[in-house]
């Protein structure tokens, strides 16, 4: 693995990786970290990772459960710490790599705060998260796929390299520098603007048939399909769903955009 750095103060990061080896193959060393704790309804569980997939699912329990599986071939998994930070808005859990000389020290902080970097460290961390109803899930990943399926809460994902799959009864928003986006949301009245954006990959979003929102869809190289009537050109289209409301942005540079209608959301 070559040099990777994520700036949590910005909505973008760079990552140069050769991390697609099978972590179960001979030569890999693995180490596991487990955490469980209470997060209040309306607060968030946030995962920050440089390399590795993140999978979140619903739990009927009242605690968040997080398992981090660290694996490395040339680098020691123990060199990457898993830090848990409680704050006013919930809990942030980070994979913290050794500091890189000449750069700011790595620090686990919530939201866009904090610097995280690595250098010649091939450790990947796979996070498996169980999320109770009403606890917001936030994933910030540099390199890795994010899957958050079957959730009963709001979901927000930021990644620079990886596919994102979300299915929730709440709302969601996804920004990816590279990777496809496939999202199903369950609220007909989002209550806020939602964006689904990637530079390279398809964007497919399913919303309740009775959604109230203003839609803006665009692609530089691809097609746009919609179950709802939209006006515009082949590459840029817009329209009003139901009574209108918050903005719903769907965009990609290289890929197709699809907007489909699911079952009506229940009051």
Foldseek 3Di string as FASTA:
>chain_A
DAKWKDQLLDLDTDDDDDQPDDLVDPQKDKDKDKDKDAWDQQAAEEEEEAAAEEEEEEDQDRMKIKMKMKMFRPADSVQWDWDWDQDPRTIYIYGAHAQDPPDDHADTDPGSDTIGIDGPGNMHIYMYMYDYARHEYEYEYAAYEYEYEHHRYEYEYRYAYYAYEEEYQAYYAYEYAEYEYHYEYNDQENVAAHEHEYAYYEYEYEYALQHFAKEWEFEQAEAEEEPDDWDDDRGITIDTRHNHDYYYYYYYHHYYYYYYHDHHHDD
